[in-house]
Amino acid sequence: MMDKITIDNNVRRLRFNNGEMTQQQLAEQVGVTRQTIVAIEQGKYTPSLELAFRLAVVFNVPLEEVFFLRPPP
């Protein structure tokens, strides 16, 4: 049996590294609600692949810099 894979993200850090972009500003750039950005940052929501790539494009970084796998304990 495989352990559950946990996907973590650097969305909050990337927002602050990009001129302290607000959650609302990011949401508008990728076409989702602010609540969706909050849920992604808190790890309560895993975005679609399309949205994940849109976030990477906004931050101008590779996808792996936005989302990454956290190994099981």
PDB file of N, CA and C in Angstrom:
ATOM      1  N   MET A   1       0.839  -1.205   0.000  1.00  0.00           N
ATOM      2  CA  MET A   1       0.000   0.000   0.000  1.00  0.00           C
ATOM      3  C   MET A   1       0.875   1.256   0.000  1.00  0.00           C
ATOM      4  N   MET A   2       0.544   2.186  -0.878  1.00  0.00           N
ATOM      5  CA  MET A   2       1.312   3.426  -0.938  1.00  0.00           C
ATOM      6  C   MET A   2       0.846   4.407   0.118  1.00  0.00           C
ATOM      7  N   ASP A   3       1.825   5.112   0.697  1.00  0.00           N
ATOM      8  CA  ASP A   3       1.468   6.183   1.616  1.00  0.00           C
ATOM      9  C   ASP A   3       0.854   7.334   0.824  1.00  0.00           C
ATOM     10  N   LYS A   4      -0.010   8.079   1.498  1.00  0.00           N
ATOM     11  CA  LYS A   4      -0.621   9.232   0.837  1.00  0.00           C
ATOM     12  C   LYS A   4       0.453  10.279   0.556  1.00  0.00           C
ATOM     13  N   ILE A   5       0.462  10.750  -0.667  1.00  0.00           N
ATOM     14  CA  ILE A   5       1.429  11.782  -1.046  1.00  0.00           C
ATOM     15  C   ILE A   5       0.858  13.143  -0.673  1.00  0.00           C
ATOM     16  N   THR A   6       1.698  13.969  -0.080  1.00  0.00           N
ATOM     17  CA  THR A   6       1.279  15.315   0.295  1.00  0.00           C
ATOM     18  C   THR A   6       1.911  16.310  -0.662  1.00  0.00           C
ATOM     19  N   ILE A   7       1.083  17.156  -1.256  1.00  0.00           N
ATOM     20  CA  ILE A   7       1.578  18.204  -2.133  1.00  0.00           C
ATOM     21  C   ILE A   7       1.604  19.506  -1.345  1.00  0.00           C
ATOM     22  N   ASP A   8       2.795  20.076  -1.229  1.00  0.00           N
ATOM     23  CA  ASP A   8       2.958  21.364  -0.553  1.00  0.00           C
ATOM     24  C   ASP A   8       3.140  22.443  -1.613  1.00  0.00           C
ATOM     25  N   ASN A   9       3.100  23.691  -1.173  1.00  0.00           N
ATOM     26  CA  ASN A   9       3.294  24.771  -2.143  1.00  0.00           C
ATOM     27  C   ASN A   9       4.005  25.964  -1.523  1.00  0.00           C
ATOM     28  N   ASN A  10       4.542  26.780  -2.410  1.00  0.00           N
ATOM     29  CA  ASN A  10       5.243  28.008  -2.028  1.00  0.00           C
ATOM     30  C   ASN A  10       4.475  29.246  -2.480  1.00  0.00           C
ATOM     31  N   VAL A  11       3.168  29.142  -2.642  1.00  0.00           N
ATOM     32  CA  VAL A  11       2.391  30.245  -3.200  1.00  0.00           C
ATOM     33  C   VAL A  11       2.526  31.499  -2.340  1.00  0.00           C
ATOM     34  N   ARG A  12       2.396  31.352  -1.034  1.00  0.00           N
ATOM     35  CA  ARG A  12       2.466  32.534  -0.160  1.00  0.00           C
ATOM     36  C   ARG A  12       3.828  33.207  -0.282  1.00  0.00           C
ATOM     37  N   ARG A  13       4.904  32.428  -0.210  1.00  0.00           N
ATOM     38  CA  ARG A  13       6.259  32.978  -0.321  1.00  0.00           C
ATOM     39  C   ARG A  13       6.452  33.661  -1.678  1.00  0.00           C
ATOM     40  N   LEU A  14       5.979  33.008  -2.735  1.00  0.00           N
ATOM     41  CA  LEU A  14       6.126  33.585  -4.074  1.00  0.00           C
ATOM     42  C   LEU A  14       5.359  34.896  -4.220  1.00  0.00           C
ATOM     43  N   ARG A  15       4.185  34.985  -3.595  1.00  0.00           N
ATOM     44  CA  ARG A  15       3.429  36.247  -3.625  1.00  0.00           C
ATOM     45  C   ARG A  15       4.241  37.372  -2.997  1.00  0.00           C
ATOM     46  N   PHE A  16       4.846  37.090  -1.836  1.00  0.00           N
ATOM     47  CA  PHE A  16       5.599  38.125  -1.139  1.00  0.00           C
ATOM     48  C   PHE A  16       6.880  38.483  -1.885  1.00  0.00           C
ATOM     49  N   ASN A  17       7.455  37.504  -2.579  1.00  0.00           N
ATOM     50  CA  ASN A  17       8.658  37.774  -3.379  1.00  0.00           C
ATOM     51  C   ASN A  17       8.330  38.529  -4.659  1.00  0.00           C
ATOM     52  N   ASN A  18       7.064  38.621  -5.001  1.00  0.00           N
ATOM     53  CA  ASN A  18       6.630  39.335  -6.196  1.00  0.00           C
ATOM     54  C   ASN A  18       5.910  40.620  -5.801  1.00  0.00           C
ATOM     55  N   GLY A  19       6.627  41.468  -5.108  1.00  0.00           N
ATOM     56  CA  GLY A  19       6.075  42.777  -4.740  1.00  0.00           C
ATOM     57  C   GLY A  19       4.952  42.712  -3.735  1.00  0.00           C
ATOM     58  N   GLU A  20       4.991  41.696  -2.860  1.00  0.00           N
ATOM     59  CA  GLU A  20       3.945  41.520  -1.842  1.00  0.00           C
ATOM     60  C   GLU A  20       2.560  41.534  -2.475  1.00  0.00           C
ATOM     61  N   MET A  21       2.427  40.779  -3.567  1.00  0.00           N
ATOM     62  CA  MET A  21       1.157  40.619  -4.270  1.00  0.00           C
ATOM     63  C   MET A  21       0.092  40.108  -3.288  1.00  0.00           C
ATOM     64  N   THR A  22      -1.106  40.671  -3.373  1.00  0.00           N
ATOM     65  CA  THR A  22      -2.179  40.205  -2.494  1.00  0.00           C
ATOM     66  C   THR A  22      -2.802  38.928  -3.054  1.00  0.00           C
ATOM     67  N   GLN A  23      -3.523  38.237  -2.197  1.00  0.00           N
ATOM     68  CA  GLN A  23      -4.251  37.045  -2.643  1.00  0.00           C
ATOM     69  C   GLN A  23      -5.255  37.433  -3.724  1.00  0.00           C
ATOM     70  N   GLN A  24      -5.890  38.580  -3.566  1.00  0.00           N
ATOM     71  CA  GLN A  24      -6.874  39.040  -4.546  1.00  0.00           C
ATOM     72  C   GLN A  24      -6.222  39.316  -5.896  1.00  0.00           C
ATOM     73  N   GLN A  25      -5.064  39.975  -5.887  1.00  0.00           N
ATOM     74  CA  GLN A  25      -4.358  40.266  -7.138  1.00  0.00           C
ATOM     75  C   GLN A  25      -3.985  38.977  -7.861  1.00  0.00           C
ATOM     76  N   LEU A  26      -3.482  38.004  -7.109  1.00  0.00           N
ATOM     77  CA  LEU A  26      -3.110  36.726  -7.702  1.00  0.00           C
ATOM     78  C   LEU A  26      -4.343  36.023  -8.263  1.00  0.00           C
ATOM     79  N   ALA A  27      -5.412  36.020  -7.486  1.00  0.00           N
ATOM     80  CA  ALA A  27      -6.657  35.374  -7.920  1.00  0.00           C
ATOM     81  C   ALA A  27      -7.137  35.956  -9.249  1.00  0.00           C
ATOM     82  N   GLU A  28      -7.095  37.278  -9.361  1.00  0.00           N
ATOM     83  CA  GLU A  28      -7.548  37.930 -10.592  1.00  0.00           C
ATOM     84  C   GLU A  28      -6.661  37.552 -11.778  1.00  0.00           C
ATOM     85  N   GLN A  29      -5.357  37.428 -11.540  1.00  0.00           N
ATOM     86  CA  GLN A  29      -4.430  37.098 -12.634  1.00  0.00           C
ATOM     87  C   GLN A  29      -4.617  35.680 -13.153  1.00  0.00           C
ATOM     88  N   VAL A  30      -5.038  34.758 -12.276  1.00  0.00           N
ATOM     89  CA  VAL A  30      -5.185  33.358 -12.717  1.00  0.00           C
ATOM     90  C   VAL A  30      -6.646  32.950 -12.918  1.00  0.00           C
ATOM     91  N   GLY A  31      -7.585  33.858 -12.628  1.00  0.00           N
ATOM     92  CA  GLY A  31      -8.988  33.609 -12.926  1.00  0.00           C
ATOM     93  C   GLY A  31      -9.729  32.756 -11.914  1.00  0.00           C
ATOM     94  N   VAL A  32      -9.388  32.913 -10.629  1.00  0.00           N
ATOM     95  CA  VAL A  32     -10.114  32.200  -9.567  1.00  0.00           C
ATOM     96  C   VAL A  32     -10.500  33.202  -8.478  1.00  0.00           C
ATOM     97  N   THR A  33     -11.194  32.739  -7.448  1.00  0.00           N
ATOM     98  CA  THR A  33     -11.556  33.622  -6.340  1.00  0.00           C
ATOM     99  C   THR A  33     -10.410  33.698  -5.332  1.00  0.00           C
ATOM    100  N   ARG A  34     -10.444  34.742  -4.514  1.00  0.00           N
ATOM    101  CA  ARG A  34      -9.448  34.881  -3.447  1.00  0.00           C
ATOM    102  C   ARG A  34      -9.523  33.675  -2.508  1.00  0.00           C
ATOM    103  N   GLN A  35     -10.745  33.188  -2.268  1.00  0.00           N
ATOM    104  CA  GLN A  35     -10.922  32.048  -1.369  1.00  0.00           C
ATOM    105  C   GLN A  35     -10.185  30.816  -1.896  1.00  0.00           C
ATOM    106  N   THR A  36     -10.131  30.661  -3.216  1.00  0.00           N
ATOM    107  CA  THR A  36      -9.401  29.534  -3.802  1.00  0.00           C
ATOM    108  C   THR A  36      -7.910  29.661  -3.495  1.00  0.00           C
ATOM    109  N   ILE A  37      -7.376  30.876  -3.615  1.00  0.00           N
ATOM    110  CA  ILE A  37      -5.959  31.104  -3.312  1.00  0.00           C
ATOM    111  C   ILE A  37      -5.684  30.808  -1.836  1.00  0.00           C
ATOM    112  N   VAL A  38      -6.585  31.258  -0.959  1.00  0.00           N
ATOM    113  CA  VAL A  38      -6.442  30.980   0.483  1.00  0.00           C
ATOM    114  C   VAL A  38      -6.383  29.470   0.715  1.00  0.00           C
ATOM    115  N   ALA A  39      -7.309  28.733   0.114  1.00  0.00           N
ATOM    116  CA  ALA A  39      -7.369  27.278   0.304  1.00  0.00           C
ATOM    117  C   ALA A  39      -6.114  26.595  -0.233  1.00  0.00           C
ATOM    118  N   ILE A  40      -5.595  27.058  -1.369  1.00  0.00           N
ATOM    119  CA  ILE A  40      -4.355  26.480  -1.914  1.00  0.00           C
ATOM    120  C   ILE A  40      -3.205  26.736  -0.944  1.00  0.00           C
ATOM    121  N   GLU A  41      -3.064  27.977  -0.495  1.00  0.00           N
ATOM    122  CA  GLU A  41      -1.966  28.322   0.422  1.00  0.00           C
ATOM    123  C   GLU A  41      -2.026  27.496   1.709  1.00  0.00           C
ATOM    124  N   GLN A  42      -3.230  27.222   2.182  1.00  0.00           N
ATOM    125  CA  GLN A  42      -3.395  26.467   3.429  1.00  0.00           C
ATOM    126  C   GLN A  42      -3.298  24.956   3.213  1.00  0.00           C
ATOM    127  N   GLY A  43      -3.140  24.535   1.964  1.00  0.00           N
ATOM    128  CA  GLY A  43      -3.043  23.112   1.674  1.00  0.00           C
ATOM    129  C   GLY A  43      -4.369  22.377   1.761  1.00  0.00           C
ATOM    130  N   LYS A  44      -5.475  23.134   1.739  1.00  0.00           N
ATOM    131  CA  LYS A  44      -6.801  22.518   1.834  1.00  0.00           C
ATOM    132  C   LYS A  44      -7.383  22.193   0.466  1.00  0.00           C
ATOM    133  N   TYR A  45      -6.723  22.703  -0.582  1.00  0.00           N
ATOM    134  CA  TYR A  45      -7.213  22.500  -1.938  1.00  0.00           C
ATOM    135  C   TYR A  45      -6.031  22.301  -2.870  1.00  0.00           C
ATOM    136  N   THR A  46      -6.084  21.239  -3.658  1.00  0.00           N
ATOM    137  CA  THR A  46      -5.056  20.996  -4.667  1.00  0.00           C
ATOM    138  C   THR A  46      -5.627  21.437  -6.002  1.00  0.00           C
ATOM    139  N   PRO A  47      -4.986  22.415  -6.646  1.00  0.00           N
ATOM    140  CA  PRO A  47      -5.542  22.949  -7.881  1.00  0.00           C
ATOM    141  C   PRO A  47      -5.417  21.976  -9.045  1.00  0.00           C
ATOM    142  N   SER A  48      -6.189  22.250 -10.083  1.00  0.00           N
ATOM    143  CA  SER A  48      -6.057  21.483 -11.324  1.00  0.00           C
ATOM    144  C   SER A  48      -4.666  21.729 -11.897  1.00  0.00           C
ATOM    145  N   LEU A  49      -4.261  20.860 -12.777  1.00  0.00           N
ATOM    146  CA  LEU A  49      -2.970  21.023 -13.430  1.00  0.00           C
ATOM    147  C   LEU A  49      -2.929  22.353 -14.192  1.00  0.00           C
ATOM    148  N   GLU A  50      -4.029  22.687 -14.849  1.00  0.00           N
ATOM    149  CA  GLU A  50      -4.087  23.948 -15.593  1.00  0.00           C
ATOM    150  C   GLU A  50      -3.858  25.142 -14.672  1.00  0.00           C
ATOM    151  N   LEU A  51      -4.540  25.169 -13.532  1.00  0.00           N
ATOM    152  CA  LEU A  51      -4.373  26.279 -12.586  1.00  0.00           C
ATOM    153  C   LEU A  51      -2.961  26.289 -12.018  1.00  0.00           C
ATOM    154  N   ALA A  52      -2.400  25.132 -11.733  1.00  0.00           N
ATOM    155  CA  ALA A  52      -1.032  25.055 -11.219  1.00  0.00           C
ATOM    156  C   ALA A  52      -0.061  25.698 -12.207  1.00  0.00           C
ATOM    157  N   PHE A  53      -0.231  25.383 -13.491  1.00  0.00           N
ATOM    158  CA  PHE A  53       0.640  25.979 -14.510  1.00  0.00           C
ATOM    159  C   PHE A  53       0.406  27.483 -14.625  1.00  0.00           C
ATOM    160  N   ARG A  54      -0.849  27.923 -14.514  1.00  0.00           N
ATOM    161  CA  ARG A  54      -1.136  29.369 -14.579  1.00  0.00           C
ATOM    162  C   ARG A  54      -0.432  30.106 -13.436  1.00  0.00           C
ATOM    163  N   LEU A  55      -0.430  29.494 -12.247  1.00  0.00           N
ATOM    164  CA  LEU A  55       0.269  30.108 -11.110  1.00  0.00           C
ATOM    165  C   LEU A  55       1.765  30.209 -11.399  1.00  0.00           C
ATOM    166  N   ALA A  56       2.352  29.145 -11.942  1.00  0.00           N
ATOM    167  CA  ALA A  56       3.781  29.153 -12.267  1.00  0.00           C
ATOM    168  C   ALA A  56       4.098  30.244 -13.291  1.00  0.00           C
ATOM    169  N   VAL A  57       3.212  30.425 -14.277  1.00  0.00           N
ATOM    170  CA  VAL A  57       3.423  31.451 -15.304  1.00  0.00           C
ATOM    171  C   VAL A  57       3.387  32.849 -14.683  1.00  0.00           C
ATOM    172  N   VAL A  58       2.419  33.094 -13.791  1.00  0.00           N
ATOM    173  CA  VAL A  58       2.328  34.407 -13.132  1.00  0.00           C
ATOM    174  C   VAL A  58       3.621  34.710 -12.378  1.00  0.00           C
ATOM    175  N   PHE A  59       4.160  33.711 -11.684  1.00  0.00           N
ATOM    176  CA  PHE A  59       5.380  33.924 -10.903  1.00  0.00           C
ATOM    177  C   PHE A  59       6.650  33.782 -11.737  1.00  0.00           C
ATOM    178  N   ASN A  60       6.498  33.340 -12.999  1.00  0.00           N
ATOM    179  CA  ASN A  60       7.630  33.151 -13.899  1.00  0.00           C
ATOM    180  C   ASN A  60       8.674  32.193 -13.315  1.00  0.00           C
ATOM    181  N   VAL A  61       8.179  31.082 -12.773  1.00  0.00           N
ATOM    182  CA  VAL A  61       9.057  30.048 -12.207  1.00  0.00           C
ATOM    183  C   VAL A  61       8.587  28.678 -12.707  1.00  0.00           C
ATOM    184  N   PRO A  62       9.453  27.664 -12.618  1.00  0.00           N
ATOM    185  CA  PRO A  62       9.008  26.313 -12.989  1.00  0.00           C
ATOM    186  C   PRO A  62       7.918  25.821 -12.035  1.00  0.00           C
ATOM    187  N   LEU A  63       7.070  24.949 -12.530  1.00  0.00           N
ATOM    188  CA  LEU A  63       5.979  24.391 -11.731  1.00  0.00           C
ATOM    189  C   LEU A  63       6.480  23.813 -10.410  1.00  0.00           C
ATOM    190  N   GLU A  64       7.649  23.159 -10.458  1.00  0.00           N
ATOM    191  CA  GLU A  64       8.200  22.517  -9.247  1.00  0.00           C
ATOM    192  C   GLU A  64       8.583  23.528  -8.166  1.00  0.00           C
ATOM    193  N   GLU A  65       8.699  24.796  -8.542  1.00  0.00           N
ATOM    194  CA  GLU A  65       9.005  25.811  -7.541  1.00  0.00           C
ATOM    195  C   GLU A  65       7.740  26.295  -6.835  1.00  0.00           C
ATOM    196  N   VAL A  66       6.594  26.073  -7.478  1.00  0.00           N
ATOM    197  CA  VAL A  66       5.318  26.452  -6.888  1.00  0.00           C
ATOM    198  C   VAL A  66       4.760  25.299  -6.042  1.00  0.00           C
ATOM    199  N   PHE A  67       4.766  24.094  -6.625  1.00  0.00           N
ATOM    200  CA  PHE A  67       4.237  22.906  -5.948  1.00  0.00           C
ATOM    201  C   PHE A  67       5.309  21.834  -5.884  1.00  0.00           C
ATOM    202  N   PHE A  68       5.332  21.098  -4.767  1.00  0.00           N
ATOM    203  CA  PHE A  68       6.324  20.031  -4.613  1.00  0.00           C
ATOM    204  C   PHE A  68       5.754  18.946  -3.712  1.00  0.00           C
ATOM    205  N   LEU A  69       6.292  17.761  -3.847  1.00  0.00           N
ATOM    206  CA  LEU A  69       5.845  16.617  -3.027  1.00  0.00           C
ATOM    207  C   LEU A  69       6.595  16.616  -1.707  1.00  0.00           C
ATOM    208  N   ARG A  70       5.841  16.437  -0.641  1.00  0.00           N
ATOM    209  CA  ARG A  70       6.458  16.273   0.674  1.00  0.00           C
ATOM    210  C   ARG A  70       6.476  14.773   0.943  1.00  0.00           C
ATOM    211  N   PRO A  71       7.679  14.219   1.179  1.00  0.00           N
ATOM    212  CA  PRO A  71       7.748  12.785   1.420  1.00  0.00           C
ATOM    213  C   PRO A  71       6.977  12.381   2.692  1.00  0.00           C
ATOM    214  N   PRO A  72       6.421  11.165   2.696  1.00  0.00           N
ATOM    215  CA  PRO A  72       5.707  10.714   3.903  1.00  0.00           C
ATOM    216  C   PRO A  72       6.669  10.612   5.089  1.00  0.00           C
ATOM    217  N   PRO A  73       6.160  10.794   6.295  1.00  0.00           N
ATOM    218  CA  PRO A  73       7.028  10.756   7.487  1.00  0.00           C
ATOM    219  C   PRO A  73       7.612   9.366   7.728  1.00  0.00           C
TER     220      PRO A  73
END
